[in-house]
């Protein structure tokens, strides 16, 4: 499932909205792995995503994560579970991102 953006049409937006659910106070389409990933990054609140980030100015690497890393990792793991459920049985290996045919699964578009 594609994350709607300024280039998607109304039909895509409507299909996305129809499949959305509210999980942990956040509304997302469960098949949109990008949405799970964005949520995980927001919850972790990583310092290196800031424009002012200077790795040389960090007193401690512990300060790189300003949010709740455990909760962020739980969201990321949930997104991976979603993708695993979309893969055909009996797939149980690593799904490399490089091959074009695999990229929809990584982006929640499978």
C-alpha atoms as a PDB file:
ATOM      1  CA  UNK A   1       0.000   0.000   0.000  1.00  0.00           C
ATOM      2  CA  UNK A   2       1.444   3.355  -1.024  1.00  0.00           C
ATOM      3  CA  UNK A   3       1.511   6.204   1.468  1.00  0.00           C
ATOM      4  CA  UNK A   4      -0.631   8.962  -0.071  1.00  0.00           C
ATOM      5  CA  UNK A   5       1.209  12.099  -1.089  1.00  0.00           C
ATOM      6  CA  UNK A   6       0.604  15.124  -3.296  1.00  0.00           C
ATOM      7  CA  UNK A   7       0.798  12.956  -6.432  1.00  0.00           C
ATOM      8  CA  UNK A   8      -1.802  10.333  -5.471  1.00  0.00           C
ATOM      9  CA  UNK A   9      -5.323  10.657  -6.774  1.00  0.00           C
ATOM     10  CA  UNK A  10      -8.537  10.732  -4.759  1.00  0.00           C
ATOM     11  CA  UNK A  11      -9.233   7.026  -5.393  1.00  0.00           C
ATOM     12  CA  UNK A  12      -5.859   6.045  -3.874  1.00  0.00           C
ATOM     13  CA  UNK A  13      -6.430   8.358  -0.915  1.00  0.00           C
ATOM     14  CA  UNK A  14      -9.907   6.886  -0.341  1.00  0.00           C
ATOM     15  CA  UNK A  15      -8.601   3.289  -0.546  1.00  0.00           C
ATOM     16  CA  UNK A  16      -5.857   4.128   1.939  1.00  0.00           C
ATOM     17  CA  UNK A  17      -8.282   5.793   4.348  1.00  0.00           C
ATOM     18  CA  UNK A  18     -10.703   2.857   4.097  1.00  0.00           C
ATOM     19  CA  UNK A  19      -7.973   0.462   5.241  1.00  0.00           C
ATOM     20  CA  UNK A  20      -6.707   2.662   8.068  1.00  0.00           C
ATOM     21  CA  UNK A  21      -7.007   1.720  11.711  1.00  0.00           C
ATOM     22  CA  UNK A  22      -6.021   3.466  14.928  1.00  0.00           C
ATOM     23  CA  UNK A  23      -3.214   1.742  16.817  1.00  0.00           C
ATOM     24  CA  UNK A  24      -1.713   3.283  19.915  1.00  0.00           C
ATOM     25  CA  UNK A  25      -3.406   6.581  19.138  1.00  0.00           C
ATOM     26  CA  UNK A  26      -1.928   6.706  15.630  1.00  0.00           C
ATOM     27  CA  UNK A  27      -3.944   6.256  12.444  1.00  0.00           C
ATOM     28  CA  UNK A  28      -2.236   4.228   9.747  1.00  0.00           C
ATOM     29  CA  UNK A  29      -2.805   1.590   7.117  1.00  0.00           C
ATOM     30  CA  UNK A  30      -1.449  -1.662   8.513  1.00  0.00           C
ATOM     31  CA  UNK A  31       0.001  -2.699   5.123  1.00  0.00           C
ATOM     32  CA  UNK A  32       1.980   0.547   4.795  1.00  0.00           C
ATOM     33  CA  UNK A  33       5.405  -0.368   6.187  1.00  0.00           C
ATOM     34  CA  UNK A  34       6.597   3.188   5.578  1.00  0.00           C
ATOM     35  CA  UNK A  35       3.975   4.404   8.071  1.00  0.00           C
ATOM     36  CA  UNK A  36       5.255   1.951  10.709  1.00  0.00           C
ATOM     37  CA  UNK A  37       8.818   3.122  10.040  1.00  0.00           C
ATOM     38  CA  UNK A  38       7.963   6.818  10.257  1.00  0.00           C
ATOM     39  CA  UNK A  39       6.184   6.176  13.561  1.00  0.00           C
ATOM     40  CA  UNK A  40       9.199   4.298  14.940  1.00  0.00           C
ATOM     41  CA  UNK A  41      11.565   7.137  13.994  1.00  0.00           C
ATOM     42  CA  UNK A  42       9.227   9.733  15.526  1.00  0.00           C
ATOM     43  CA  UNK A  43       9.017   7.779  18.782  1.00  0.00           C
ATOM     44  CA  UNK A  44      12.803   7.299  18.970  1.00  0.00           C
ATOM     45  CA  UNK A  45      13.368  11.029  18.316  1.00  0.00           C
ATOM     46  CA  UNK A  46      16.890  10.478  17.021  1.00  0.00           C
ATOM     47  CA  UNK A  47      19.231  13.430  17.407  1.00  0.00           C
ATOM     48  CA  UNK A  48      20.964  12.764  14.081  1.00  0.00           C
ATOM     49  CA  UNK A  49      17.770  13.659  12.214  1.00  0.00           C
ATOM     50  CA  UNK A  50      18.103  17.293  13.257  1.00  0.00           C
ATOM     51  CA  UNK A  51      19.612  19.846  10.901  1.00  0.00           C
ATOM     52  CA  UNK A  52      21.864  21.050  13.707  1.00  0.00           C
ATOM     53  CA  UNK A  53      23.213  17.582  14.504  1.00  0.00           C
ATOM     54  CA  UNK A  54      26.978  17.550  14.976  1.00  0.00           C
ATOM     55  CA  UNK A  55      28.373  14.089  15.794  1.00  0.00           C
ATOM     56  CA  UNK A  56      31.557  15.716  17.106  1.00  0.00           C
ATOM     57  CA  UNK A  57      29.535  17.704  19.616  1.00  0.00           C
ATOM     58  CA  UNK A  58      27.950  14.654  21.265  1.00  0.00           C
ATOM     59  CA  UNK A  59      29.104  14.113  24.820  1.00  0.00           C
ATOM     60  CA  UNK A  60      27.746  10.588  24.813  1.00  0.00           C
ATOM     61  CA  UNK A  61      26.181   8.275  22.229  1.00  0.00           C
ATOM     62  CA  UNK A  62      23.388   7.712  24.758  1.00  0.00           C
ATOM     63  CA  UNK A  63      22.132  11.189  23.845  1.00  0.00           C
ATOM     64  CA  UNK A  64      21.478  10.156  20.228  1.00  0.00           C
ATOM     65  CA  UNK A  65      18.104   8.713  21.220  1.00  0.00           C
ATOM     66  CA  UNK A  66      15.928  11.292  22.928  1.00  0.00           C
ATOM     67  CA  UNK A  67      12.645   9.400  22.705  1.00  0.00           C
ATOM     68  CA  UNK A  68      11.489   5.978  23.862  1.00  0.00           C
ATOM     69  CA  UNK A  69      13.673   3.509  22.002  1.00  0.00           C
ATOM     70  CA  UNK A  70      11.855   0.447  23.363  1.00  0.00           C
ATOM     71  CA  UNK A  71       8.498   1.693  22.095  1.00  0.00           C
ATOM     72  CA  UNK A  72      10.049   2.719  18.765  1.00  0.00           C
ATOM     73  CA  UNK A  73      11.586  -0.732  18.312  1.00  0.00           C
ATOM     74  CA  UNK A  74       8.247  -2.356  19.156  1.00  0.00           C
ATOM     75  CA  UNK A  75       6.594  -0.356  16.365  1.00  0.00           C
ATOM     76  CA  UNK A  76       9.374  -1.320  13.945  1.00  0.00           C
ATOM     77  CA  UNK A  77       8.992  -4.998  14.902  1.00  0.00           C
ATOM     78  CA  UNK A  78       5.238  -4.768  14.373  1.00  0.00           C
ATOM     79  CA  UNK A  79       5.822  -3.403  10.880  1.00  0.00           C
ATOM     80  CA  UNK A  80       8.157  -6.289  10.090  1.00  0.00           C
ATOM     81  CA  UNK A  81       5.475  -8.727  11.297  1.00  0.00           C
ATOM     82  CA  UNK A  82       3.013  -7.123   8.894  1.00  0.00           C
ATOM     83  CA  UNK A  83       5.384  -7.633   5.959  1.00  0.00           C
ATOM     84  CA  UNK A  84       6.029 -11.217   7.014  1.00  0.00           C
ATOM     85  CA  UNK A  85       2.284 -11.878   6.944  1.00  0.00           C
ATOM     86  CA  UNK A  86       2.132 -10.546   3.363  1.00  0.00           C
ATOM     87  CA  UNK A  87       4.849 -12.873   2.077  1.00  0.00           C
ATOM     88  CA  UNK A  88       3.768 -16.149   0.475  1.00  0.00           C
ATOM     89  CA  UNK A  89       3.983 -19.371   2.479  1.00  0.00           C
ATOM     90  CA  UNK A  90       6.491 -20.944   3.235  1.00  0.00           C
ATOM     91  CA  UNK A  91       8.842 -17.955   2.850  1.00  0.00           C
ATOM     92  CA  UNK A  92      11.111 -17.708   5.885  1.00  0.00           C
ATOM     93  CA  UNK A  93      14.329 -16.068   4.730  1.00  0.00           C
ATOM     94  CA  UNK A  94      15.682 -12.534   4.461  1.00  0.00           C
ATOM     95  CA  UNK A  95      14.011 -10.419   1.788  1.00  0.00           C
ATOM     96  CA  UNK A  96      16.781  -8.274   0.227  1.00  0.00           C
ATOM     97  CA  UNK A  97      15.749  -4.715  -0.674  1.00  0.00           C
ATOM     98  CA  UNK A  98      17.891  -4.467  -3.818  1.00  0.00           C
ATOM     99  CA  UNK A  99      15.834  -6.552  -6.285  1.00  0.00           C
ATOM    100  CA  UNK A 100      13.063  -4.424  -7.789  1.00  0.00           C
ATOM    101  CA  UNK A 101      10.485  -7.169  -7.198  1.00  0.00           C
ATOM    102  CA  UNK A 102      11.121  -7.127  -3.429  1.00  0.00           C
ATOM    103  CA  UNK A 103      10.869  -3.371  -2.893  1.00  0.00           C
ATOM    104  CA  UNK A 104       7.057  -3.260  -2.683  1.00  0.00           C
ATOM    105  CA  UNK A 105       7.184  -5.538   0.363  1.00  0.00           C
ATOM    106  CA  UNK A 106       9.656  -3.203   2.069  1.00  0.00           C
ATOM    107  CA  UNK A 107       7.455  -0.217   1.285  1.00  0.00           C
ATOM    108  CA  UNK A 108       4.199  -1.847   2.372  1.00  0.00           C
ATOM    109  CA  UNK A 109       3.021  -1.972  -1.225  1.00  0.00           C
ATOM    110  CA  UNK A 110       2.739  -5.732  -1.472  1.00  0.00           C
END
